[in-house]
Amino acid sequence: ARNKQQKKTTLSDFAGPRRIHLLFARGLRRFHGNVGFWKQYLAYARKTKSNAALTKAYARALQLHPTHASLWHEAALWEFEENQNMTAARSHLQSGLRILSSSRRLWLAYFRLELRYMRKLRERQALLAPDTAPAEDAAEGELTVWQGAVPKAIYLYAIKALPEDFLFRIDFLRICAEFSEVGPRLAQFIEESTIASFQQEAAMWDALARTSTAAVHTFERAVATVPSSDMFARYAAFLYEKKERDKLVEVAERATRMACTSPTLFKLWATCLLESHHIDEGLKVLRDCTAAFPASEDAWLMLLSTSVRASAFRAPAGPFEDVSPLFEQALRQVPAAQTGSLWLSYLQYSLARGTAVLDKLFERALAAHPNHPELQTLYVNSTMVLGGVQHARGAISKLQRGSAPLSLPLLMRCLRVELSALQVDAARVRALFERAAADHPTCRDLWRDYLRFESSGGHFDRVSLVFQRATVALPDETEFLSQFLSTTEC
């Protein structure tokens, strides 16, 4: 009796939730346009199982915000899962699709909902009449209700609303894979309709194969239907991801015979051989790639990096192989505007070897790419390492003669060079800070370093001027002021 008395509900048990509902109601009358606020209230009502309040809240929210697909979806799920009301769930999704006919989310939700309902009916029949199987007979090419006729109709209406989106159709296939008892025949219909509509799209075949349980078979069908370089490259990329190296080599050789190669295919082929420690075969494939696509910078870079590693590996057993002629050949083949990474790789290789023509190489590289930030930074770093501060200053002066803005990393490197000298030239440092502030006025760290430099030298009149300019250039003066004060205190 005492336990029953303790478990008895009282008015106070409902007072708190009721008060919260009233607060939400007052807030939503004032901020009825805030969708996030509505979702907070709906989540609270679901948590407290306030079904009557939820029914009214969903109706009001959908009336005020009919273009939010998430609200229609949530309302349908609530009706199906909590109220066990499939009719109301269908009604919500159909009403939403009348307003948002191009909503992928609602079409997919409707499709999944019908499949879930079919599964539920099958489970119910198996429980009530275990010896009776659903009728599966249908005309050729048709699906019965038990095989997915209703979801099929939804799919057909969906692709009519979004006819050009093959990824949308692939999403339907992914949903079918979740329902093994219904999905196979329906998935076959969706797959064939997708192929019929996008037969020449390599991207469609790629997405379809990655969804299929027989991916290799689908890719084989794809390269037979669309024998293009893009299709073979996508097939090779899939095989590389799955570590099917032997199959990848076979597909690449077939693509070569059919003249359907591409730099991407060659790179995957070569990478596969190199990872299997077939260095010579990998180099041969890369040479074939540069011969077939001489203007491809990526192909040359892979050949050059592999050749450098191979020559370093063979060096203990024989003479060191100079790769410089290969770099020069690449620079002649690739269009000059696309050789920035080639020059960077060539210069790094030459720096490692300590070649005597390094200055001339830098002159050629900077003449071809005067505004390349990585080349400029490498130029300053190399002159600093090889010749010291004086040579680095000469390199910096040469770069400053240009009219184009210098990159921020380069300017910061130049400042570090000047500040590392035994005798710091304040005029040079100040000139670099001014150049950096003119080219990159919104860099907070730059202004902070400039102020720190002036304050460390005791030039407090300059600190005041620089600080005024910084607060004008930067959007948030308060934040910048607090940062500067914290650095000066340290």
Protein backbone atom coordinates (compact mmCIF):
# COMPACT_ATOMS: atom_id res chain seq x y z
CA ALA A 1 0.00 0.00 0.00
CA ARG A 2 2.86 2.33 0.81
CA ASN A 3 4.47 1.67 -2.62
CA LYS A 4 1.20 2.40 -4.39
CA GLN A 5 0.87 5.63 -2.44
CA GLN A 6 4.41 6.65 -3.43
CA LYS A 7 3.78 5.96 -7.15
CA LYS A 8 0.52 7.90 -7.24
CA THR A 9 0.74 10.88 -9.61
CA THR A 10 -0.18 14.30 -8.33
CA LEU A 11 -0.84 17.69 -9.87
CA SER A 12 2.77 18.74 -9.26
CA ASP A 13 3.98 16.05 -11.69
CA PHE A 14 2.33 17.91 -14.54
CA ALA A 15 2.94 21.46 -13.37
CA GLY A 16 6.52 21.69 -14.65
CA PRO A 17 5.92 20.37 -18.20
CA ARG A 18 2.73 22.41 -18.43
CA ARG A 19 4.62 25.57 -17.47
CA ILE A 20 7.27 24.84 -20.14
CA HIS A 21 4.55 24.29 -22.76
CA LEU A 22 3.02 27.64 -21.85
CA LEU A 23 6.39 29.37 -22.14
CA PHE A 24 6.96 27.82 -25.56
CA ALA A 25 3.46 28.88 -26.61
CA ARG A 26 4.12 32.49 -25.58
CA GLY A 27 7.49 32.48 -27.33
CA LEU A 28 6.10 31.00 -30.54
CA ARG A 29 3.32 33.59 -30.69
CA ARG A 30 6.00 36.25 -30.70
CA PHE A 31 8.68 34.48 -32.76
CA HIS A 32 6.52 32.35 -35.03
CA GLY A 33 8.88 32.90 -37.94
CA ASN A 34 11.82 31.18 -36.22
CA VAL A 35 11.95 27.60 -37.56
CA GLY A 36 14.66 26.61 -35.09
CA PHE A 37 12.42 27.64 -32.20
CA TRP A 38 9.59 25.51 -33.60
CA LYS A 39 11.91 22.51 -33.83
CA GLN A 40 12.98 22.98 -30.21
CA TYR A 41 9.35 22.93 -29.12
CA LEU A 42 8.54 19.89 -31.28
CA ALA A 43 11.54 18.04 -29.85
CA TYR A 44 10.42 18.83 -26.30
CA ALA A 45 6.85 17.74 -27.02
CA ARG A 46 8.08 14.44 -28.47
CA LYS A 47 10.32 13.92 -25.42
CA THR A 48 7.41 14.44 -23.02
CA LYS A 49 5.05 12.40 -25.26
CA SER A 50 2.58 15.30 -25.49
CA ASN A 51 0.73 13.88 -28.47
CA ALA A 52 -2.16 16.32 -28.43
CA ALA A 53 0.21 19.28 -28.31
CA LEU A 54 2.33 17.74 -31.06
CA THR A 55 -0.63 17.37 -33.39
CA LYS A 56 -1.51 21.05 -33.02
CA ALA A 57 2.15 22.17 -33.15
CA TYR A 58 2.93 20.29 -36.37
CA ALA A 59 -0.22 21.64 -38.01
CA ARG A 60 0.65 25.23 -37.02
CA ALA A 61 4.34 24.91 -37.93
CA LEU A 62 3.55 23.48 -41.37
CA GLN A 63 0.99 26.20 -41.94
CA LEU A 64 3.54 28.90 -41.18
CA HIS A 65 6.58 27.22 -42.84
CA PRO A 66 5.33 25.06 -45.71
CA THR A 67 8.61 25.32 -47.65
CA HIS A 68 10.74 23.56 -45.01
CA ALA A 69 11.04 19.95 -46.13
CA SER A 70 12.43 18.86 -42.76
CA LEU A 71 9.16 19.76 -41.02
CA TRP A 72 7.07 17.67 -43.44
CA HIS A 73 9.49 14.77 -43.04
CA GLU A 74 9.50 14.91 -39.24
CA ALA A 75 5.70 15.14 -39.10
CA ALA A 76 5.33 12.08 -41.34
CA LEU A 77 7.82 10.05 -39.30
CA TRP A 78 6.04 10.98 -36.08
CA GLU A 79 2.68 9.88 -37.46
CA PHE A 80 4.11 6.57 -38.71
CA GLU A 81 6.36 5.67 -35.78
CA GLU A 82 4.50 7.07 -32.78
CA ASN A 83 0.85 7.27 -33.83
CA GLN A 84 0.95 4.18 -36.10
CA ASN A 85 -1.03 6.24 -38.62
CA MET A 86 0.20 5.47 -42.14
CA THR A 87 -2.62 7.43 -43.74
CA ALA A 88 -1.62 10.64 -41.94
CA ALA A 89 2.07 10.03 -42.69
CA ARG A 90 1.28 9.67 -46.41
CA SER A 91 -0.87 12.78 -46.28
CA HIS A 92 1.96 14.86 -44.81
CA LEU A 93 4.48 13.76 -47.44
CA GLN A 94 2.03 14.17 -50.32
CA SER A 95 1.13 17.67 -49.13
CA GLY A 96 4.81 18.55 -48.83
CA LEU A 97 5.56 17.25 -52.33
CA ARG A 98 2.71 19.31 -53.81
CA ILE A 99 4.53 22.40 -52.52
CA LEU A 100 8.13 21.16 -52.85
CA SER A 101 7.98 18.95 -55.92
CA SER A 102 11.78 19.09 -56.43
CA SER A 103 12.71 18.18 -52.85
CA ARG A 104 15.02 15.16 -52.94
CA ARG A 105 14.59 14.67 -49.22
CA LEU A 106 10.80 14.32 -49.40
CA TRP A 107 10.80 11.96 -52.40
CA LEU A 108 13.35 9.67 -50.76
CA ALA A 109 11.49 9.84 -47.44
CA TYR A 110 8.22 8.87 -49.14
CA PHE A 111 9.93 5.99 -50.97
CA ARG A 112 11.52 4.66 -47.76
CA LEU A 113 8.27 5.09 -45.82
CA GLU A 114 6.35 2.86 -48.25
CA LEU A 115 9.06 0.20 -48.10
CA ARG A 116 8.99 0.28 -44.31
CA TYR A 117 5.20 -0.08 -44.39
CA MET A 118 5.46 -3.07 -46.74
CA ARG A 119 7.95 -4.71 -44.40
CA LYS A 120 5.60 -4.08 -41.49
CA LEU A 121 2.68 -5.68 -43.36
CA ARG A 122 4.77 -8.71 -44.26
CA GLU A 123 5.84 -9.16 -40.65
CA ARG A 124 2.24 -8.86 -39.51
CA GLN A 125 1.07 -11.45 -42.03
CA ALA A 126 3.89 -13.81 -41.07
CA LEU A 127 2.77 -13.53 -37.46
CA LEU A 128 -0.97 -13.94 -38.05
CA ALA A 129 -0.86 -16.46 -40.91
CA PRO A 130 2.60 -18.07 -40.99
CA ASP A 131 1.57 -20.71 -43.56
CA THR A 132 0.26 -18.16 -46.06
CA ALA A 133 2.71 -16.39 -48.37
CA PRO A 134 1.90 -13.08 -50.09
CA ALA A 135 0.75 -13.35 -53.68
CA GLU A 136 3.77 -12.72 -55.90
CA ASP A 137 2.29 -13.39 -59.34
CA ALA A 138 2.38 -10.50 -61.77
CA ALA A 139 2.49 -9.84 -65.48
CA GLU A 140 5.83 -9.77 -67.25
CA GLY A 141 7.76 -6.66 -66.25
CA GLU A 142 5.20 -5.65 -63.63
CA LEU A 143 5.47 -5.60 -59.83
CA THR A 144 2.75 -6.62 -57.43
CA VAL A 145 1.90 -4.58 -54.37
CA TRP A 146 3.95 -7.00 -52.30
CA GLN A 147 6.93 -6.62 -54.66
CA GLY A 148 6.96 -2.83 -54.50
CA ALA A 149 4.40 -1.46 -56.94
CA VAL A 150 3.67 1.57 -54.73
CA PRO A 151 7.36 2.53 -54.20
CA LYS A 152 7.87 2.01 -57.95
CA ALA A 153 5.13 4.54 -58.68
CA ILE A 154 6.73 7.00 -56.25
CA TYR A 155 10.09 6.54 -58.00
CA LEU A 156 8.56 7.22 -61.41
CA TYR A 157 6.92 10.42 -60.20
CA ALA A 158 10.20 11.45 -58.52
CA ILE A 159 12.34 11.09 -61.65
CA LYS A 160 9.69 12.96 -63.59
CA ALA A 161 10.14 15.85 -61.15
CA LEU A 162 13.97 15.60 -61.26
CA PRO A 163 14.80 14.04 -64.65
CA GLU A 164 18.46 15.13 -65.00
CA ASP A 165 19.84 13.97 -61.64
CA PHE A 166 21.28 10.45 -61.86
CA LEU A 167 22.68 10.64 -58.33
CA PHE A 168 19.08 11.04 -57.14
CA ARG A 169 18.25 7.70 -58.75
CA ILE A 170 21.31 6.08 -57.16
CA ASP A 171 19.95 7.17 -53.76
CA PHE A 172 16.82 5.10 -54.45
CA LEU A 173 19.04 2.09 -55.10
CA ARG A 174 20.79 2.58 -51.77
CA ILE A 175 17.42 2.58 -50.02
CA CYS A 176 16.40 -0.64 -51.82
CA ALA A 177 19.53 -2.33 -50.47
CA GLU A 178 18.14 -1.84 -46.95
CA PHE A 179 15.03 -3.94 -47.73
CA SER A 180 16.19 -7.36 -48.85
CA GLU A 181 12.69 -8.86 -48.86
CA VAL A 182 11.37 -6.30 -51.38
CA GLY A 183 14.39 -4.59 -52.87
CA PRO A 184 15.87 -6.91 -55.57
CA ARG A 185 13.21 -6.65 -58.28
CA LEU A 186 12.55 -3.00 -57.55
CA ALA A 187 16.31 -2.26 -57.54
CA GLN A 188 16.69 -4.03 -60.89
CA PHE A 189 13.96 -1.83 -62.38
CA ILE A 190 15.57 1.36 -61.00
CA GLU A 191 19.01 0.31 -62.26
CA GLU A 192 17.80 -0.42 -65.77
CA SER A 193 15.84 2.84 -65.97
CA THR A 194 18.90 4.78 -64.82
CA ILE A 195 21.10 3.11 -67.44
CA ALA A 196 18.53 3.76 -70.16
CA SER A 197 18.41 7.48 -69.32
CA PHE A 198 22.14 8.11 -68.73
CA GLN A 199 23.82 5.46 -70.84
CA GLN A 200 26.63 7.71 -72.07
CA GLU A 201 27.46 9.30 -68.70
CA ALA A 202 30.71 7.90 -67.26
CA ALA A 203 29.97 9.46 -63.88
CA MET A 204 26.64 7.59 -63.74
CA TRP A 205 28.31 4.24 -64.41
CA ASP A 206 30.90 5.00 -61.72
CA ALA A 207 28.26 5.83 -59.11
CA LEU A 208 26.12 2.85 -60.13
CA ALA A 209 29.02 0.38 -59.91
CA ARG A 210 30.07 1.63 -56.48
CA THR A 211 26.52 1.07 -55.25
CA SER A 212 26.20 -2.39 -56.80
CA THR A 213 27.20 -5.62 -55.08
CA ALA A 214 28.76 -6.71 -58.41
CA ALA A 215 30.87 -3.63 -59.02
CA VAL A 216 33.43 -5.23 -61.38
CA HIS A 217 30.65 -6.66 -63.56
CA THR A 218 29.00 -3.23 -63.75
CA PHE A 219 32.30 -1.54 -64.65
CA GLU A 220 32.91 -4.15 -67.37
CA ARG A 221 29.49 -3.39 -68.78
CA ALA A 222 30.31 0.32 -68.56
CA VAL A 223 33.59 0.17 -70.53
CA ALA A 224 31.83 -1.98 -73.14
CA THR A 225 29.04 0.59 -73.46
CA VAL A 226 31.14 3.76 -73.06
CA PRO A 227 34.72 2.91 -74.14
CA SER A 228 36.21 6.29 -73.21
CA SER A 229 39.34 7.43 -71.39
CA ASP A 230 37.24 8.86 -68.56
CA MET A 231 35.41 5.54 -68.06
CA PHE A 232 38.62 3.52 -68.00
CA ALA A 233 40.18 6.00 -65.55
CA ARG A 234 37.21 5.66 -63.21
CA TYR A 235 37.40 1.87 -63.46
CA ALA A 236 41.12 1.95 -62.66
CA ALA A 237 40.55 4.29 -59.70
CA PHE A 238 38.01 1.85 -58.26
CA LEU A 239 40.38 -1.10 -58.69
CA TYR A 240 43.20 0.85 -57.07
CA GLU A 241 41.00 1.66 -54.07
CA LYS A 242 40.13 -2.04 -53.74
CA LYS A 243 43.82 -3.02 -54.14
CA GLU A 244 43.02 -5.18 -57.18
CA ARG A 245 46.46 -4.60 -58.70
CA ASP A 246 46.49 -7.45 -61.24
CA LYS A 247 43.06 -6.51 -62.53
CA LEU A 248 44.10 -2.84 -62.72
CA VAL A 249 47.13 -3.70 -64.88
CA GLU A 250 44.94 -5.81 -67.15
CA VAL A 251 42.37 -2.99 -67.53
CA ALA A 252 45.12 -0.42 -68.21
CA GLU A 253 46.67 -2.60 -70.91
CA ARG A 254 43.23 -3.04 -72.48
CA ALA A 255 42.68 0.73 -72.43
CA THR A 256 46.04 1.22 -74.15
CA ARG A 257 45.07 -1.19 -76.93
CA MET A 258 41.75 0.63 -77.36
CA ALA A 259 43.45 4.10 -77.32
CA CYS A 260 41.41 5.11 -74.26
CA THR A 261 44.24 6.26 -72.02
CA SER A 262 44.57 9.41 -69.92
CA PRO A 263 47.17 10.87 -67.55
CA THR A 264 45.04 9.72 -64.61
CA LEU A 265 44.99 6.13 -65.87
CA PHE A 266 48.75 6.12 -66.49
CA LYS A 267 49.44 7.52 -63.01
CA LEU A 268 47.27 4.87 -61.34
CA TRP A 269 48.92 2.17 -63.42
CA ALA A 270 52.42 3.39 -62.57
CA THR A 271 51.57 3.83 -58.88
CA CYS A 272 50.30 0.26 -58.76
CA LEU A 273 53.57 -1.04 -60.29
CA LEU A 274 55.78 1.11 -58.06
CA GLU A 275 53.97 -0.02 -54.91
CA SER A 276 54.64 -3.60 -56.03
CA HIS A 277 58.38 -2.68 -56.33
CA HIS A 278 58.38 -2.97 -60.13
CA ILE A 279 60.45 0.21 -60.58
CA ASP A 280 61.53 -0.27 -64.20
CA GLU A 281 58.01 -1.19 -65.35
CA GLY A 282 56.60 1.84 -63.52
CA LEU A 283 59.15 4.16 -65.14
CA LYS A 284 58.30 2.73 -68.57
CA VAL A 285 54.59 3.43 -68.00
CA LEU A 286 55.39 7.00 -66.94
CA ARG A 287 57.57 7.53 -70.01
CA ASP A 288 54.72 6.28 -72.19
CA CYS A 289 52.45 8.74 -70.38
CA THR A 290 54.68 11.74 -71.07
CA ALA A 291 55.04 10.61 -74.69
CA ALA A 292 51.26 10.36 -75.11
CA PHE A 293 50.51 13.54 -73.09
CA PRO A 294 53.63 15.74 -73.34
CA ALA A 295 51.84 18.85 -72.04
CA SER A 296 50.71 17.22 -68.77
CA GLU A 297 52.66 18.78 -65.89
CA ASP A 298 51.38 16.16 -63.43
CA ALA A 299 52.67 13.32 -65.61
CA TRP A 300 56.13 14.89 -65.86
CA LEU A 301 56.26 15.58 -62.12
CA MET A 302 55.50 11.95 -61.31
CA LEU A 303 58.10 10.72 -63.81
CA LEU A 304 60.71 13.13 -62.45
CA SER A 305 60.09 12.34 -58.78
CA THR A 306 60.20 8.60 -59.52
CA SER A 307 63.40 9.00 -61.56
CA VAL A 308 65.07 10.97 -58.75
CA ARG A 309 64.16 8.28 -56.19
CA ALA A 310 65.29 5.51 -58.54
CA SER A 311 68.66 7.20 -59.21
CA ALA A 312 69.23 7.72 -55.49
CA PHE A 313 68.38 4.05 -54.85
CA ARG A 314 70.80 2.86 -57.52
CA ALA A 315 73.61 5.28 -56.58
CA PRO A 316 75.48 2.93 -54.17
CA ALA A 317 75.68 0.25 -56.88
CA GLY A 318 76.78 2.50 -59.72
CA PRO A 319 77.29 6.11 -60.93
CA PHE A 320 74.73 8.74 -59.91
CA GLU A 321 72.25 9.37 -62.73
CA ASP A 322 71.74 13.07 -63.44
CA VAL A 323 68.04 13.82 -63.93
CA SER A 324 68.62 17.45 -64.99
CA PRO A 325 68.23 16.69 -68.74
CA LEU A 326 64.85 15.16 -68.01
CA PHE A 327 63.82 18.34 -66.15
CA GLU A 328 64.92 20.43 -69.13
CA GLN A 329 62.94 18.21 -71.50
CA ALA A 330 59.85 18.60 -69.32
CA LEU A 331 60.20 22.40 -69.30
CA ARG A 332 60.34 22.39 -73.11
CA GLN A 333 57.23 20.21 -73.45
CA VAL A 334 54.88 21.74 -70.87
CA PRO A 335 53.39 25.19 -71.64
CA ALA A 336 55.38 27.90 -69.87
CA ALA A 337 52.39 29.16 -67.88
CA GLN A 338 51.95 25.72 -66.27
CA THR A 339 55.57 25.05 -65.24
CA GLY A 340 55.50 26.57 -61.74
CA SER A 341 55.57 23.22 -59.91
CA LEU A 342 58.14 21.87 -62.39
CA TRP A 343 60.49 24.74 -61.65
CA LEU A 344 60.01 24.30 -57.92
CA SER A 345 60.86 20.61 -58.16
CA TYR A 346 63.84 21.31 -60.44
CA LEU A 347 65.26 23.90 -58.06
CA GLN A 348 64.82 21.68 -55.01
CA TYR A 349 66.61 18.88 -56.85
CA SER A 350 69.43 21.23 -57.87
CA LEU A 351 69.77 22.56 -54.31
CA ALA A 352 70.13 19.03 -53.00
CA ARG A 353 72.83 18.30 -55.56
CA GLY A 354 74.63 21.61 -55.09
CA THR A 355 74.84 22.45 -58.80
CA ALA A 356 76.96 25.38 -59.92
CA VAL A 357 74.27 26.84 -62.21
CA LEU A 358 71.79 27.42 -59.41
CA ASP A 359 71.74 31.22 -59.84
CA LYS A 360 70.93 30.91 -63.53
CA LEU A 361 68.17 28.42 -62.79
CA PHE A 362 66.59 30.83 -60.30
CA GLU A 363 66.81 33.66 -62.86
CA ARG A 364 65.04 31.52 -65.47
CA ALA A 365 62.39 30.35 -63.01
CA LEU A 366 61.60 33.84 -61.70
CA ALA A 367 61.55 35.23 -65.24
CA ALA A 368 58.94 32.62 -66.19
CA HIS A 369 56.96 33.06 -62.94
CA PRO A 370 57.78 36.45 -61.38
CA ASN A 371 54.86 36.29 -58.92
CA HIS A 372 55.11 32.66 -57.81
CA PRO A 373 55.17 32.83 -53.96
CA GLU A 374 56.79 29.42 -53.39
CA LEU A 375 59.56 30.13 -55.90
CA GLN A 376 60.21 33.50 -54.29
CA THR A 377 60.37 32.00 -50.80
CA LEU A 378 62.70 29.23 -51.96
CA TYR A 379 64.93 31.85 -53.61
CA VAL A 380 65.28 33.86 -50.38
CA ASN A 381 65.78 30.75 -48.23
CA SER A 382 68.45 29.29 -50.50
CA THR A 383 70.42 32.55 -50.74
CA MET A 384 70.23 32.90 -46.96
CA VAL A 385 71.58 29.37 -46.41
CA LEU A 386 74.24 29.50 -49.11
CA GLY A 387 75.42 33.11 -48.86
CA GLY A 388 74.25 34.55 -45.55
CA VAL A 389 72.34 37.70 -44.73
CA GLN A 390 74.06 39.94 -47.31
CA HIS A 391 73.19 37.65 -50.21
CA ALA A 392 69.65 37.26 -48.88
CA ARG A 393 69.28 41.04 -48.79
CA GLY A 394 70.29 41.16 -52.43
CA ALA A 395 67.67 38.57 -53.30
CA ILE A 396 65.03 40.48 -51.36
CA SER A 397 65.94 43.76 -53.10
CA LYS A 398 65.67 42.04 -56.48
CA LEU A 399 62.19 40.75 -55.65
CA GLN A 400 61.07 44.14 -54.30
CA ARG A 401 61.75 45.79 -57.66
CA GLY A 402 58.67 44.08 -59.06
CA SER A 403 55.34 45.87 -59.10
CA ALA A 404 53.22 42.88 -58.07
CA PRO A 405 52.38 42.37 -54.37
CA LEU A 406 54.70 39.98 -52.56
CA SER A 407 53.11 37.07 -50.74
CA LEU A 408 52.70 37.34 -46.98
CA PRO A 409 54.83 34.23 -46.20
CA LEU A 410 57.64 35.68 -48.31
CA LEU A 411 57.50 39.06 -46.58
CA MET A 412 57.50 37.40 -43.16
CA ARG A 413 60.53 35.35 -44.22
CA CYS A 414 62.29 38.53 -45.37
CA LEU A 415 61.58 40.11 -42.01
CA ARG A 416 63.03 37.10 -40.20
CA VAL A 417 66.16 37.38 -42.35
CA GLU A 418 66.63 41.04 -41.42
CA LEU A 419 65.89 40.49 -37.73
CA SER A 420 68.40 37.61 -37.58
CA ALA A 421 71.32 39.82 -38.67
CA LEU A 422 74.00 40.70 -36.12
CA GLN A 423 73.28 44.38 -36.64
CA VAL A 424 69.61 44.94 -37.36
CA ASP A 425 69.02 47.66 -39.96
CA ALA A 426 65.90 49.38 -38.58
CA ALA A 427 65.30 51.26 -41.83
CA ARG A 428 65.26 48.01 -43.84
CA VAL A 429 62.98 46.29 -41.35
CA ARG A 430 60.62 49.26 -41.29
CA ALA A 431 60.54 49.38 -45.11
CA LEU A 432 59.59 45.67 -45.21
CA PHE A 433 56.85 46.20 -42.62
CA GLU A 434 55.48 49.10 -44.65
CA ARG A 435 55.51 46.99 -47.83
CA ALA A 436 53.75 44.16 -46.02
CA ALA A 437 51.17 46.50 -44.45
CA ALA A 438 50.42 48.01 -47.85
CA ASP A 439 49.99 44.62 -49.57
CA HIS A 440 48.29 42.77 -46.68
CA PRO A 441 46.57 45.37 -44.47
CA THR A 442 44.16 42.96 -42.75
CA CYS A 443 46.79 40.60 -41.31
CA ARG A 444 46.50 40.92 -37.54
CA ASP A 445 49.80 39.12 -36.80
CA LEU A 446 51.68 41.46 -39.12
CA TRP A 447 50.48 44.59 -37.30
CA ARG A 448 51.22 42.98 -33.94
CA ASP A 449 54.82 42.18 -35.02
CA TYR A 450 55.23 45.70 -36.39
CA LEU A 451 54.12 47.21 -33.07
CA ARG A 452 56.33 44.84 -31.12
CA PHE A 453 59.35 45.84 -33.25
CA GLU A 454 58.78 49.57 -32.74
CA SER A 455 58.10 49.20 -29.01
CA SER A 456 61.21 47.06 -28.50
CA GLY A 457 63.32 49.86 -30.01
CA GLY A 458 61.73 52.46 -27.74
CA HIS A 459 60.10 54.37 -30.64
CA PHE A 460 56.86 55.08 -28.81
CA ASP A 461 55.85 57.90 -31.14
CA ARG A 462 55.97 55.40 -34.03
CA VAL A 463 54.05 52.87 -31.92
CA SER A 464 51.20 55.34 -31.58
CA LEU A 465 51.08 56.04 -35.32
CA VAL A 466 51.24 52.36 -36.29
CA PHE A 467 48.56 51.50 -33.74
CA GLN A 468 46.20 54.13 -35.19
CA ARG A 469 46.72 52.75 -38.70
CA ALA A 470 46.16 49.20 -37.44
CA THR A 471 42.83 50.02 -35.79
CA VAL A 472 41.65 51.58 -39.06
CA ALA A 473 42.78 48.63 -41.19
CA LEU A 474 41.41 45.93 -38.89
CA PRO A 475 37.65 45.43 -38.50
CA ASP A 476 37.62 44.80 -34.75
CA GLU A 477 39.59 47.41 -32.81
CA THR A 478 38.71 45.99 -29.39
CA GLU A 479 40.04 42.54 -30.18
CA PHE A 480 43.20 43.95 -31.73
CA LEU A 481 43.76 46.26 -28.74
CA SER A 482 43.46 43.35 -26.29
CA GLN A 483 45.89 41.27 -28.34
CA PHE A 484 48.43 44.06 -28.49
CA LEU A 485 48.16 44.82 -24.80
CA SER A 486 48.65 41.16 -23.92
CA THR A 487 51.80 40.96 -26.06
CA THR A 488 53.28 44.14 -24.60
CA GLU A 489 52.62 42.89 -21.06
CA CYS A 490 54.47 39.67 -21.86
